[in-house]
Amino acid sequence: MGKDKTRVEKAMDLALERLDYIIDHRTAPDFVEVTGRMGGDTIKYRIYNDGSIYER
C-alpha cells in the first residue's frame, strides 16, 4: 500500500506543476489519471509510471 501511495503523490506533484488545483484522481496499474483545473478549464492528465505525462 505504501508504494502505491508514493506513486500517487509523485504523480499529483507532477500534475500540480501544470494545474492550478486538483479535483480528482484515479489509479491504474500503469498510470495515475489526475483531473484538475487550469485557467478555468478542466484538464485531465495521465501520468505513467515511467514519468511520461499525456493530456486527455
N, C-alpha and C. Protein backbone atom coordinates (compact mmCIF):
# COMPACT_ATOMS: atom_id res chain seq x y z
N MET A 1 0.82 -1.21 0.00
CA MET A 1 0.00 0.00 0.00
C MET A 1 0.86 1.27 0.00
N GLY A 2 1.96 1.26 0.71
CA GLY A 2 2.82 2.44 0.78
C GLY A 2 3.43 2.80 -0.56
N LYS A 3 3.78 1.78 -1.34
CA LYS A 3 4.38 2.02 -2.66
C LYS A 3 3.38 2.72 -3.58
N ASP A 4 2.13 2.29 -3.54
CA ASP A 4 1.09 2.90 -4.37
C ASP A 4 0.82 4.34 -3.94
N LYS A 5 0.82 4.59 -2.64
CA LYS A 5 0.58 5.94 -2.13
C LYS A 5 1.69 6.88 -2.59
N THR A 6 2.93 6.41 -2.55
CA THR A 6 4.05 7.22 -3.01
C THR A 6 3.94 7.52 -4.50
N ARG A 7 3.54 6.53 -5.28
CA ARG A 7 3.36 6.71 -6.73
C ARG A 7 2.30 7.76 -7.02
N VAL A 8 1.20 7.72 -6.29
CA VAL A 8 0.12 8.69 -6.47
C VAL A 8 0.58 10.09 -6.07
N GLU A 9 1.28 10.20 -4.96
CA GLU A 9 1.75 11.50 -4.50
C GLU A 9 2.72 12.12 -5.51
N LYS A 10 3.63 11.33 -6.06
CA LYS A 10 4.56 11.84 -7.07
C LYS A 10 3.82 12.30 -8.32
N ALA A 11 2.82 11.52 -8.74
CA ALA A 11 2.03 11.90 -9.92
C ALA A 11 1.27 13.19 -9.67
N MET A 12 0.71 13.34 -8.49
CA MET A 12 -0.04 14.56 -8.18
C MET A 12 0.89 15.76 -8.11
N ASP A 13 2.10 15.59 -7.59
CA ASP A 13 3.07 16.69 -7.57
C ASP A 13 3.44 17.12 -8.99
N LEU A 14 3.64 16.14 -9.88
CA LEU A 14 3.93 16.47 -11.28
C LEU A 14 2.77 17.22 -11.93
N ALA A 15 1.55 16.78 -11.65
CA ALA A 15 0.37 17.42 -12.23
C ALA A 15 0.21 18.85 -11.71
N LEU A 16 0.52 19.07 -10.44
CA LEU A 16 0.37 20.41 -9.86
C LEU A 16 1.35 21.41 -10.45
N GLU A 17 2.41 20.93 -11.10
CA GLU A 17 3.32 21.85 -11.79
C GLU A 17 2.62 22.50 -12.98
N ARG A 18 1.56 21.86 -13.49
CA ARG A 18 0.83 22.36 -14.66
C ARG A 18 -0.57 22.86 -14.33
N LEU A 19 -1.14 22.41 -13.21
CA LEU A 19 -2.52 22.74 -12.86
C LEU A 19 -2.58 23.75 -11.73
N ASP A 20 -3.71 24.48 -11.64
CA ASP A 20 -3.94 25.36 -10.51
C ASP A 20 -4.31 24.55 -9.27
N TYR A 21 -5.18 23.56 -9.44
CA TYR A 21 -5.52 22.66 -8.34
C TYR A 21 -6.09 21.36 -8.89
N ILE A 22 -6.09 20.34 -8.05
CA ILE A 22 -6.55 19.00 -8.43
C ILE A 22 -7.96 18.78 -7.92
N ILE A 23 -8.81 18.27 -8.79
CA ILE A 23 -10.19 17.95 -8.44
C ILE A 23 -10.32 16.49 -8.00
N ASP A 24 -9.69 15.58 -8.77
CA ASP A 24 -9.86 14.15 -8.52
C ASP A 24 -8.67 13.39 -9.11
N HIS A 25 -8.52 12.16 -8.69
CA HIS A 25 -7.52 11.28 -9.30
C HIS A 25 -8.02 9.85 -9.23
N ARG A 26 -7.49 9.02 -10.13
CA ARG A 26 -7.78 7.59 -10.09
C ARG A 26 -6.52 6.86 -10.50
N THR A 27 -6.38 5.66 -9.97
CA THR A 27 -5.18 4.90 -10.24
C THR A 27 -5.47 3.70 -11.12
N ALA A 28 -4.49 3.31 -11.87
CA ALA A 28 -4.49 2.10 -12.69
C ALA A 28 -3.11 1.48 -12.49
N PRO A 29 -2.92 0.24 -12.88
CA PRO A 29 -1.62 -0.39 -12.66
C PRO A 29 -0.43 0.33 -13.30
N ASP A 30 -0.64 0.95 -14.46
CA ASP A 30 0.50 1.58 -15.15
C ASP A 30 0.44 3.10 -15.22
N PHE A 31 -0.60 3.74 -14.67
CA PHE A 31 -0.67 5.20 -14.67
C PHE A 31 -1.57 5.70 -13.55
N VAL A 32 -1.47 7.01 -13.30
CA VAL A 32 -2.39 7.73 -12.40
C VAL A 32 -3.03 8.81 -13.25
N GLU A 33 -4.36 8.86 -13.25
CA GLU A 33 -5.08 9.88 -14.00
C GLU A 33 -5.51 10.98 -13.04
N VAL A 34 -5.10 12.20 -13.34
CA VAL A 34 -5.37 13.34 -12.46
C VAL A 34 -6.23 14.34 -13.22
N THR A 35 -7.34 14.74 -12.59
CA THR A 35 -8.24 15.74 -13.16
C THR A 35 -8.08 17.02 -12.34
N GLY A 36 -7.90 18.14 -13.02
CA GLY A 36 -7.72 19.40 -12.32
C GLY A 36 -8.17 20.58 -13.15
N ARG A 37 -7.95 21.76 -12.59
CA ARG A 37 -8.35 23.00 -13.25
C ARG A 37 -7.13 23.85 -13.52
N MET A 38 -7.17 24.53 -14.69
CA MET A 38 -6.13 25.47 -15.05
C MET A 38 -6.78 26.59 -15.86
N GLY A 39 -6.76 27.77 -15.33
CA GLY A 39 -7.30 28.92 -16.04
C GLY A 39 -8.77 28.80 -16.40
N GLY A 40 -9.56 28.13 -15.57
CA GLY A 40 -10.98 27.98 -15.83
C GLY A 40 -11.34 26.76 -16.65
N ASP A 41 -10.35 26.04 -17.17
CA ASP A 41 -10.60 24.83 -17.95
C ASP A 41 -10.35 23.60 -17.09
N THR A 42 -11.10 22.55 -17.36
CA THR A 42 -10.88 21.27 -16.70
C THR A 42 -9.96 20.44 -17.60
N ILE A 43 -8.88 19.94 -17.02
CA ILE A 43 -7.88 19.19 -17.77
C ILE A 43 -7.63 17.86 -17.07
N LYS A 44 -7.40 16.84 -17.87
CA LYS A 44 -7.11 15.52 -17.34
C LYS A 44 -5.76 15.06 -17.86
N TYR A 45 -4.88 14.66 -16.95
CA TYR A 45 -3.56 14.16 -17.32
C TYR A 45 -3.45 12.70 -16.90
N ARG A 46 -2.74 11.93 -17.72
CA ARG A 46 -2.33 10.59 -17.33
C ARG A 46 -0.83 10.63 -17.12
N ILE A 47 -0.41 10.30 -15.90
CA ILE A 47 0.99 10.26 -15.57
C ILE A 47 1.38 8.79 -15.44
N TYR A 48 2.20 8.33 -16.36
CA TYR A 48 2.60 6.92 -16.39
C TYR A 48 3.75 6.68 -15.42
N ASN A 49 3.94 5.42 -15.06
CA ASN A 49 4.97 5.04 -14.08
C ASN A 49 6.37 5.41 -14.53
N ASP A 50 6.60 5.53 -15.83
CA ASP A 50 7.93 5.91 -16.33
C ASP A 50 8.15 7.42 -16.30
N GLY A 51 7.14 8.19 -15.84
CA GLY A 51 7.28 9.64 -15.71
C GLY A 51 6.71 10.43 -16.87
N SER A 52 6.27 9.77 -17.93
CA SER A 52 5.70 10.49 -19.06
C SER A 52 4.28 10.97 -18.72
N ILE A 53 3.94 12.14 -19.26
CA ILE A 53 2.64 12.77 -18.98
C ILE A 53 1.93 13.03 -20.30
N TYR A 54 0.66 12.63 -20.34
CA TYR A 54 -0.17 12.85 -21.54
C TYR A 54 -1.48 13.53 -21.13
N GLU A 55 -1.86 14.52 -21.89
CA GLU A 55 -3.12 15.21 -21.64
C GLU A 55 -4.25 14.46 -22.35
N ARG A 56 -5.37 14.33 -21.66
CA ARG A 56 -6.54 13.66 -22.25
C ARG A 56 -7.60 14.69 -22.52
